[in-house]
Protein backbone atom coordinates (compact mmCIF):
# COMPACT_ATOMS: atom_id res chain seq x y z
CA MET A 1 -6.31 14.06 -0.47
CA PHE A 2 -5.26 12.57 2.76
CA SER A 3 -5.33 11.28 6.06
CA SER A 4 -5.18 12.89 9.60
CA ASN A 5 -1.56 10.99 9.28
CA GLY A 6 -0.02 12.29 6.28
CA VAL A 7 -0.53 9.64 4.06
CA ARG A 8 -2.26 10.30 0.45
CA SER A 9 -5.39 7.74 -0.18
CA THR A 10 -4.32 7.91 -3.72
CA ALA A 11 -1.56 5.51 -2.26
CA PHE A 12 -3.78 2.99 -2.21
CA MET A 13 -5.59 3.29 -5.24
CA PRO A 14 -6.00 0.46 -7.55
CA ARG A 15 -4.55 0.03 -10.76
CA ARG A 16 -6.06 -1.89 -13.29
CA GLY A 17 -8.04 -3.77 -9.82
CA THR A 18 -4.98 -4.18 -7.67
CA THR A 19 -2.75 -2.07 -5.23
CA SER A 20 1.54 -3.17 -5.24
CA VAL A 21 2.45 -3.60 -1.65
CA PHE A 22 5.28 -5.36 -0.27
CA ARG A 23 4.86 -7.25 3.39
CA VAL A 24 7.85 -5.69 5.73
CA THR A 25 6.02 -6.71 9.11
CA GLY A 26 9.32 -7.64 11.34
CA MET A 27 11.84 -5.91 8.88
CA ASP A 28 14.69 -3.73 9.92
CA ASP A 29 13.82 0.20 7.91
CA VAL A 30 17.17 -0.86 6.60
CA ARG A 31 16.18 -3.42 4.38
CA VAL A 32 12.77 -1.90 4.01
CA ARG A 33 14.59 1.00 2.49
CA GLU A 34 16.91 -1.37 0.28
CA ILE A 35 13.32 -3.41 -1.13
CA GLY A 36 11.79 0.31 -1.90
CA ASN A 37 15.62 0.65 -3.27
CA ALA A 38 15.55 -1.59 -5.80
CA VAL A 39 11.47 -1.76 -7.28
CA LEU A 40 11.91 1.66 -7.59
CA THR A 41 15.50 2.74 -9.54
CA VAL A 42 14.90 5.37 -11.14
CA LYS A 43 13.92 7.74 -7.78
CA PRO A 44 14.42 5.45 -4.62
CA PRO A 45 11.06 6.29 -2.74
CA LYS A 46 10.93 9.07 0.31
CA ALA A 47 8.09 7.96 2.19
CA ARG A 48 6.31 4.05 2.78
CA ALA A 49 3.50 3.70 4.31
CA GLU A 50 2.98 1.09 6.22
CA LEU A 51 -0.65 -0.46 6.88
CA LEU A 52 -0.79 -4.01 8.59
CA ALA A 53 -2.81 -6.70 6.68
CA GLU A 54 -5.89 -7.31 9.34
CA ARG A 55 -6.99 -3.79 8.43
CA VAL A 56 -7.32 -5.00 4.17
CA TYR A 57 -9.12 -7.93 5.71
CA ALA A 58 -11.34 -5.61 8.04
CA SER A 59 -12.18 -3.31 4.54
CA GLY A 60 -13.62 -6.03 2.68
CA LEU A 61 -10.51 -6.56 0.70
CA ASP A 62 -7.40 -9.27 0.39
CA LEU A 63 -4.16 -10.18 -0.51
CA ASP A 64 -2.78 -12.15 -2.90
CA PRO A 65 0.44 -12.54 -1.89
CA ASP A 66 2.38 -13.24 -5.75
CA ASN A 67 5.51 -12.98 -4.06
CA THR A 68 7.20 -11.20 -7.62
CA PRO A 69 9.48 -9.91 -6.49
CA GLU A 70 10.23 -10.96 -3.19
CA PHE A 71 7.95 -9.78 -0.45
CA HIS A 72 5.38 -8.61 -2.61
CA ALA A 73 1.40 -8.93 -2.55
CA ASN A 74 -1.16 -7.35 -4.25
CA ILE A 75 -4.82 -5.54 -3.00
CA ILE A 76 -7.21 -7.39 -4.06
CA GLY A 77 -10.89 -7.36 -4.22
CA TRP A 78 -11.72 -3.72 -5.14
CA PRO A 79 -14.96 -3.32 -7.25
CA PRO A 80 -15.00 -2.56 -10.33
CA ASP A 81 -13.16 0.87 -11.94
CA THR A 82 -16.62 1.60 -13.24
CA ASP A 83 -17.20 2.81 -9.12
CA LYS A 84 -14.03 4.89 -8.46
CA ASP A 85 -15.85 7.04 -5.49
CA LYS A 86 -16.26 3.15 -3.78
CA GLN A 87 -12.73 2.78 -4.85
CA LYS A 88 -11.89 6.42 -3.58
CA LEU A 89 -13.69 5.33 0.01
CA LEU A 90 -11.94 2.40 0.60
CA ALA A 91 -8.83 3.55 -0.20
CA LEU A 92 -9.17 6.22 2.05
CA GLU A 93 -10.02 4.30 5.30
CA LEU A 94 -7.04 2.54 4.21
CA ALA A 95 -4.61 5.58 4.20
CA SER A 96 -6.14 6.45 7.20
CA VAL A 97 -5.57 3.35 9.39
CA SER A 98 -1.65 3.89 7.95
CA THR A 99 1.09 4.37 8.93
CA LEU A 100 3.32 7.17 6.61
CA LYS A 101 7.31 6.99 7.75
CA LEU A 102 9.63 9.58 6.08
CA HIS A 103 13.16 8.09 4.44
CA ASP A 104 16.16 10.35 6.07
């Protein structure tokens, strides 16, 4: 499902209880793309969704900045996998307050 800004809610759905993200606030576009290309080596990303940490916290979720690899964090605190409907609602909420950034 797409939000009105083009970000898919599936981008935020947890896998094994977390959603993998990177903390890129203050980085220029070139650096963000370098990180994406380093992590996704088989198929470089075509786009990204940018989301402020405060929006994660406002949704009732949390961030765990494990820094493995550098700048990495996980969105945590998701409802259990047995409650996919609540997970989907939260993912849609995050998507709706995200910004889609297309890569050249």
